[in-house]
Protein backbone atom coordinates (compact mmCIF):
# COMPACT_ATOMS: atom_id res chain seq x y z
CA UNK A 1 -38.90 28.94 -30.78
CA UNK A 2 -38.36 29.98 -34.36
CA UNK A 3 -36.81 33.18 -33.18
CA UNK A 4 -34.42 31.15 -30.96
CA UNK A 5 -33.73 28.87 -33.91
CA UNK A 6 -32.72 31.88 -36.10
CA UNK A 7 -30.59 33.37 -33.33
CA UNK A 8 -28.69 30.35 -32.46
CA UNK A 9 -29.20 27.12 -34.49
CA UNK A 10 -26.38 25.10 -32.89
CA UNK A 11 -27.91 25.38 -29.32
CA UNK A 12 -31.41 24.40 -30.64
CA UNK A 13 -30.07 21.39 -32.66
CA UNK A 14 -28.19 20.45 -29.53
CA UNK A 15 -31.51 20.65 -27.55
CA UNK A 16 -33.28 18.37 -30.03
CA UNK A 17 -30.27 15.90 -29.98
CA UNK A 18 -30.56 15.84 -26.18
CA UNK A 19 -34.33 15.24 -26.53
CA UNK A 20 -33.79 12.30 -28.81
CA UNK A 21 -31.07 10.92 -26.52
CA UNK A 22 -33.56 11.18 -23.58
CA UNK A 23 -35.95 8.97 -25.66
CA UNK A 24 -32.98 6.48 -26.51
CA UNK A 25 -32.14 6.38 -22.72
CA UNK A 26 -35.81 5.59 -21.80
CA UNK A 27 -35.77 2.71 -24.15
CA UNK A 28 -32.57 1.66 -22.64
CA UNK A 29 -34.05 1.77 -19.10
CA UNK A 30 -36.74 -0.69 -20.31
CA UNK A 31 -34.58 -2.89 -22.60
CA UNK A 32 -31.30 -3.06 -20.84
CA UNK A 33 -31.19 -4.52 -17.47
CA UNK A 34 -27.49 -3.78 -16.59
CA UNK A 35 -26.90 -2.11 -13.21
CA UNK A 36 -24.01 0.33 -12.60
CA UNK A 37 -23.25 1.56 -9.08
CA UNK A 38 -26.64 0.41 -7.71
CA UNK A 39 -28.71 2.11 -10.53
CA UNK A 40 -29.95 1.25 -14.03
CA UNK A 41 -27.12 1.98 -16.43
CA UNK A 42 -29.24 4.20 -18.69
CA UNK A 43 -30.41 6.36 -15.85
CA UNK A 44 -27.45 8.81 -15.94
CA UNK A 45 -27.75 9.61 -19.69
CA UNK A 46 -31.39 10.13 -19.26
CA UNK A 47 -30.92 12.57 -16.47
CA UNK A 48 -28.13 14.40 -18.37
CA UNK A 49 -29.95 14.54 -21.60
CA UNK A 50 -32.96 16.27 -20.03
CA UNK A 51 -30.89 18.71 -18.11
CA UNK A 52 -28.67 19.60 -21.09
CA UNK A 53 -31.76 19.89 -23.41
CA UNK A 54 -33.22 22.50 -20.79
CA UNK A 55 -29.93 24.14 -20.48
CA UNK A 56 -29.44 24.57 -24.31
CA UNK A 57 -32.82 26.26 -24.87
CA UNK A 58 -32.36 28.41 -21.91
CA UNK A 59 -29.04 29.62 -23.34
CA UNK A 60 -30.51 30.16 -26.71
CA UNK A 61 -33.07 32.54 -24.90
CA UNK A 62 -30.26 34.29 -22.87
CA UNK A 63 -28.10 34.87 -25.92
CA UNK A 64 -31.08 36.39 -27.64
CA UNK A 65 -31.16 38.99 -24.93
CA UNK A 66 -27.65 40.12 -25.56
CA UNK A 67 -27.86 43.39 -27.78
CA UNK A 68 -24.21 43.68 -28.65
CA UNK A 69 -21.11 41.57 -29.80
CA UNK A 70 -23.18 39.34 -32.30
CA UNK A 71 -20.17 37.33 -33.20
CA UNK A 72 -19.12 36.78 -29.59
CA UNK A 73 -22.47 35.68 -28.61
CA UNK A 74 -22.69 33.23 -31.46
CA UNK A 75 -19.36 31.84 -30.51
CA UNK A 76 -20.30 31.61 -26.83
CA UNK A 77 -23.33 29.66 -27.77
CA UNK A 78 -21.50 27.36 -30.05
CA UNK A 79 -18.86 26.66 -27.34
CA UNK A 80 -21.72 25.69 -24.98
CA UNK A 81 -23.47 23.55 -27.63
CA UNK A 82 -20.18 21.76 -28.44
CA UNK A 83 -19.21 21.11 -24.86
CA UNK A 84 -22.55 19.76 -24.05
CA UNK A 85 -22.49 17.41 -27.07
CA UNK A 86 -18.96 16.21 -26.20
CA UNK A 87 -19.83 15.47 -22.55
CA UNK A 88 -22.91 13.46 -23.60
CA UNK A 89 -20.98 11.59 -26.20
CA UNK A 90 -18.63 10.29 -23.41
CA UNK A 91 -21.48 9.49 -21.08
CA UNK A 92 -23.39 7.40 -23.85
CA UNK A 93 -20.20 5.81 -25.02
CA UNK A 94 -19.23 4.72 -21.56
CA UNK A 95 -22.69 3.41 -21.07
CA UNK A 96 -22.53 1.27 -24.25
CA UNK A 97 -19.16 -0.08 -23.04
CA UNK A 98 -20.67 -0.88 -19.68
CA UNK A 99 -18.38 1.53 -17.97
CA UNK A 100 -18.58 4.32 -15.47
CA UNK A 101 -18.06 7.78 -16.96
CA UNK A 102 -17.34 9.93 -13.95
CA UNK A 103 -14.23 9.60 -11.81
CA UNK A 104 -13.04 6.56 -13.62
CA UNK A 105 -9.30 5.94 -13.86
CA UNK A 106 -9.46 2.23 -14.14
CA UNK A 107 -7.81 2.21 -17.63
CA UNK A 108 -5.95 4.81 -19.68
CA UNK A 109 -8.98 5.30 -21.92
CA UNK A 110 -11.29 5.71 -18.96
CA UNK A 111 -9.00 8.31 -17.57
CA UNK A 112 -8.64 10.22 -20.85
CA UNK A 113 -12.45 10.17 -21.27
CA UNK A 114 -12.94 11.48 -17.85
CA UNK A 115 -10.30 14.16 -18.46
CA UNK A 116 -12.14 15.31 -21.55
CA UNK A 117 -15.31 15.68 -19.61
CA UNK A 118 -13.53 17.64 -17.07
CA UNK A 119 -12.22 20.04 -19.60
CA UNK A 120 -15.69 20.48 -21.23
CA UNK A 121 -17.09 21.43 -17.79
CA UNK A 122 -14.43 24.18 -17.30
CA UNK A 123 -15.08 25.43 -20.82
CA UNK A 124 -18.80 25.43 -20.10
CA UNK A 125 -18.50 27.39 -16.84
CA UNK A 126 -16.28 29.93 -18.46
CA UNK A 127 -18.70 30.37 -21.46
CA UNK A 128 -21.53 30.86 -18.95
CA UNK A 129 -19.48 33.40 -17.01
CA UNK A 130 -18.92 35.40 -20.24
CA UNK A 131 -22.62 35.30 -20.91
CA UNK A 132 -23.32 36.57 -17.37
CA UNK A 133 -20.82 39.34 -17.98
CA UNK A 134 -22.42 40.47 -21.23
CA UNK A 135 -25.95 40.48 -19.65
CA UNK A 136 -24.94 42.13 -16.43
CA UNK A 137 -25.44 45.64 -17.78
CA UNK A 138 -28.40 44.63 -20.10
CA UNK A 139 -31.57 46.14 -18.89
CA UNK A 140 -34.72 44.45 -20.12
CA UNK A 141 -38.23 45.95 -20.48
CA UNK A 142 -39.30 44.31 -17.29
CA UNK A 143 -37.27 45.00 -14.18
CA UNK A 144 -38.11 41.79 -12.41
CA UNK A 145 -36.93 39.81 -15.48
CA UNK A 146 -33.68 41.73 -15.50
CA UNK A 147 -32.93 40.75 -11.97
CA UNK A 148 -34.07 37.18 -12.43
CA UNK A 149 -31.67 36.80 -15.31
CA UNK A 150 -28.80 38.37 -13.30
CA UNK A 151 -29.31 36.44 -10.18
CA UNK A 152 -30.19 33.23 -12.02
CA UNK A 153 -26.72 33.35 -13.76
CA UNK A 154 -24.84 34.06 -10.71
CA UNK A 155 -26.41 31.22 -8.85
CA UNK A 156 -25.98 28.90 -11.76
CA UNK A 157 -22.29 29.68 -11.96
CA UNK A 158 -22.13 28.67 -8.25
CA UNK A 159 -24.15 25.55 -8.78
CA UNK A 160 -21.95 24.60 -11.67
CA UNK A 161 -18.90 25.21 -9.39
CA UNK A 162 -20.13 22.67 -6.95
CA UNK A 163 -19.31 20.10 -9.57
CA UNK A 164 -15.60 20.93 -9.18
CA UNK A 165 -15.75 19.78 -5.55
CA UNK A 166 -16.69 16.36 -6.75
CA UNK A 167 -13.42 15.86 -8.59
CA UNK A 168 -11.23 15.98 -5.40
CA UNK A 169 -10.04 12.38 -4.13
CA UNK A 170 -11.73 11.25 -0.94
CA UNK A 171 -9.86 10.35 2.25
CA UNK A 172 -10.11 6.67 1.38
CA UNK A 173 -8.89 7.11 -2.07
CA UNK A 174 -5.87 9.17 -0.93
CA UNK A 175 -5.00 6.30 1.46
CA UNK A 176 -5.34 3.82 -1.28
CA UNK A 177 -2.91 5.76 -3.54
CA UNK A 178 -0.06 4.88 -1.19
CA UNK A 179 -0.13 1.11 -2.13
CA UNK A 180 -1.64 1.02 -5.73
CA UNK A 181 -2.53 3.16 -8.64
CA UNK A 182 -6.08 4.57 -8.25
CA UNK A 183 -8.96 3.41 -10.12
CA UNK A 184 -11.35 6.13 -8.96
CA UNK A 185 -10.62 9.67 -8.13
CA UNK A 186 -13.57 11.93 -6.97
CA UNK A 187 -17.02 11.13 -5.96
CA UNK A 188 -20.59 12.41 -5.76
CA UNK A 189 -21.16 11.17 -2.25
CA UNK A 190 -19.49 12.43 0.92
CA UNK A 191 -18.81 10.08 3.84
CA UNK A 192 -20.14 7.00 1.92
CA UNK A 193 -19.17 5.20 -1.32
CA UNK A 194 -20.99 6.14 -4.67
CA UNK A 195 -23.71 3.75 -5.56
CA UNK A 196 -25.30 3.21 -2.19
CA UNK A 197 -29.04 3.72 -1.30
CA UNK A 198 -30.44 6.78 -3.00
CA UNK A 199 -33.77 8.66 -3.74
CA UNK A 200 -35.83 7.14 -6.60
CA UNK A 201 -34.85 8.43 -10.01
CA UNK A 202 -32.66 11.11 -8.68
CA UNK A 203 -30.22 8.68 -7.07
CA UNK A 204 -29.11 11.32 -4.41
CA UNK A 205 -27.78 9.37 -1.40
CA UNK A 206 -30.05 8.63 1.52
CA UNK A 207 -27.17 7.65 3.76
CA UNK A 208 -24.53 10.23 3.40
CA UNK A 209 -23.74 13.68 1.79
CA UNK A 210 -24.35 14.22 -1.97
CA UNK A 211 -22.85 17.23 -3.82
CA UNK A 212 -25.15 16.54 -6.85
CA UNK A 213 -28.03 18.19 -4.85
CA UNK A 214 -26.34 21.62 -4.66
CA UNK A 215 -25.06 21.19 -8.18
CA UNK A 216 -28.53 20.52 -9.55
CA UNK A 217 -30.50 23.17 -7.66
CA UNK A 218 -27.95 25.94 -8.24
CA UNK A 219 -27.69 25.11 -11.96
CA UNK A 220 -31.40 25.34 -12.55
CA UNK A 221 -31.66 28.87 -10.96
CA UNK A 222 -31.30 29.78 -14.73
CA UNK A 223 -34.79 28.51 -15.24
CA UNK A 224 -36.52 28.84 -11.89
CA UNK A 225 -35.84 32.59 -11.42
CA UNK A 226 -36.90 33.78 -14.92
CA UNK A 227 -39.97 31.51 -14.65
CA UNK A 228 -40.92 33.18 -11.44
CA UNK A 229 -40.50 36.58 -13.04
CA UNK A 230 -42.83 35.37 -15.77
CA UNK A 231 -45.34 34.03 -13.24
CA UNK A 232 -45.40 37.40 -11.34
CA UNK A 233 -46.08 39.34 -14.46
CA UNK A 234 -49.05 37.02 -15.22
CA UNK A 235 -50.34 37.30 -11.71
CA UNK A 236 -50.19 41.09 -12.09
CA UNK A 237 -53.47 40.63 -13.96
CA UNK A 238 -55.23 39.54 -10.88
CA UNK A 239 -53.29 41.22 -8.11
CA UNK A 240 -53.07 45.06 -8.22
CA UNK A 241 -50.00 45.05 -6.08
CA UNK A 242 -47.98 43.19 -8.61
CA UNK A 243 -48.77 45.62 -11.22
CA UNK A 244 -46.02 47.75 -9.58
CA UNK A 245 -42.77 46.89 -11.25
CA UNK A 246 -40.86 47.77 -8.05
CA UNK A 247 -42.82 45.19 -6.06
CA UNK A 248 -42.13 42.53 -8.60
CA UNK A 249 -38.32 43.40 -8.56
CA UNK A 250 -38.22 43.23 -4.81
CA UNK A 251 -39.97 39.77 -4.76
CA UNK A 252 -37.32 38.54 -7.35
CA UNK A 253 -34.52 39.80 -4.96
CA UNK A 254 -36.25 37.93 -1.99
CA UNK A 255 -36.75 34.79 -4.08
CA UNK A 256 -32.98 34.95 -5.28
CA UNK A 257 -31.75 35.37 -1.70
CA UNK A 258 -33.89 32.22 -0.63
CA UNK A 259 -32.74 30.29 -3.68
CA UNK A 260 -29.08 31.03 -3.16
CA UNK A 261 -29.44 30.15 0.50
CA UNK A 262 -31.03 26.81 -0.38
CA UNK A 263 -28.15 26.07 -2.67
CA UNK A 264 -25.53 26.86 -0.05
CA UNK A 265 -27.51 24.98 2.65
CA UNK A 266 -27.72 21.67 0.76
CA UNK A 267 -23.96 21.97 -0.31
CA UNK A 268 -22.92 22.59 3.29
CA UNK A 269 -25.14 19.72 4.37
CA UNK A 270 -23.50 17.38 1.76
CA UNK A 271 -20.01 18.49 2.70
CA UNK A 272 -20.60 17.37 6.36
CA UNK A 273 -21.47 13.93 4.94
CA UNK A 274 -25.13 14.24 5.76
CA UNK A 275 -28.10 12.95 3.77
CA UNK A 276 -30.65 15.37 2.42
CA UNK A 277 -33.49 13.38 4.13
CA UNK A 278 -31.76 13.08 7.52
CA UNK A 279 -30.88 16.67 8.62
CA UNK A 280 -29.37 17.29 12.04
CA UNK A 281 -30.20 20.07 14.47
CA UNK A 282 -27.55 22.36 12.88
CA UNK A 283 -29.20 21.96 9.46
CA UNK A 284 -32.68 22.52 10.71
CA UNK A 285 -31.59 25.67 12.55
CA UNK A 286 -29.85 27.00 9.42
CA UNK A 287 -32.95 26.06 7.38
CA UNK A 288 -35.22 27.87 9.95
CA UNK A 289 -33.10 31.07 9.70
CA UNK A 290 -33.09 30.96 5.96
CA UNK A 291 -36.83 30.45 5.71
CA UNK A 292 -37.40 33.33 8.33
CA UNK A 293 -35.05 35.63 6.33
CA UNK A 294 -36.83 34.72 2.97
CA UNK A 295 -40.24 35.19 4.41
CA UNK A 296 -39.39 38.61 5.89
CA UNK A 297 -37.66 39.64 2.83
CA UNK A 298 -40.89 38.73 0.68
CA UNK A 299 -43.10 40.43 3.11
CA UNK A 300 -41.09 43.61 2.88
CA UNK A 301 -41.14 43.24 -0.89
CA UNK A 302 -44.88 43.20 -0.90
CA UNK A 303 -45.14 46.63 0.55
CA UNK A 304 -46.25 49.22 -1.93
CA UNK A 305 -43.37 51.32 -3.42
CA UNK A 306 -43.34 54.74 -1.63
CA UNK A 307 -41.44 56.18 -4.55
CA UNK A 308 -41.35 55.07 -8.10
CA UNK A 309 -37.78 54.21 -8.88
CA UNK A 310 -36.20 54.49 -12.32
CA UNK A 311 -35.05 51.45 -14.21
CA UNK A 312 -31.50 52.38 -13.40
CA UNK A 313 -32.09 52.59 -9.55
CA UNK A 314 -33.93 49.17 -9.51
CA UNK A 315 -31.56 47.19 -11.72
CA UNK A 316 -28.18 48.72 -11.24
């Protein structure tokens, strides 16, 4: 952690601020009984604070892996930290006002604040893409970690991109614009109104599609895949097959295919207006195919390497 602080203080400070805001939001859940769109008003800032704290620490680590362009990597980290702080400031500010932060065009101030949030997300996506480009040709000591970082960044970019789908007006909102200025443009849910029945804590719709699922799963590939790489390295002490770096690299590829497939699957399911917990036959069939492909890829990856490949051949 001290190394990460030295490499990029703004990101670590941002993570600490988010941790503090998570505590404040937890107190708010207990002390403030206001409800907004069917959920406790402090639940959204709590979820965002936790997510952005993890995101900030992850990016401090990723930036520490970049071995060139020190000024550029510092500025990219600072842009990510600043964007996170601005977005969180809007979310908390709107909670204090008792207003909705996302998709809110009820007043000029609400619309301006949401526009600011939209701009920060675009900037965050572009900065993440720039980090991905800088890290793409970076070869780490462990082949599996190299691939986990690369695939994690690509899938995370796709997951962040799902958020842009939420900003399009729904069919009902478009119809309403013909008779009155819109008070809401965009939605998390598909096929139902935001704020309906949802999963405990997460709030994901149980009666319709919800784009937040693909957004969340894809975004956190940044943590899941590198952690898998670390787990495989630790398990190599007990399983001789995993001592082969080629086998670990293959397993990361198989896991990345499965993870990307799950992100696409839940996003496709949401766009069809279908709840995560009520899949239809098409969704079950797609999930079955994805599971089979992932298992077969993992089984193939487990085979001992016939030839020891060079770092360039495995990670290129």
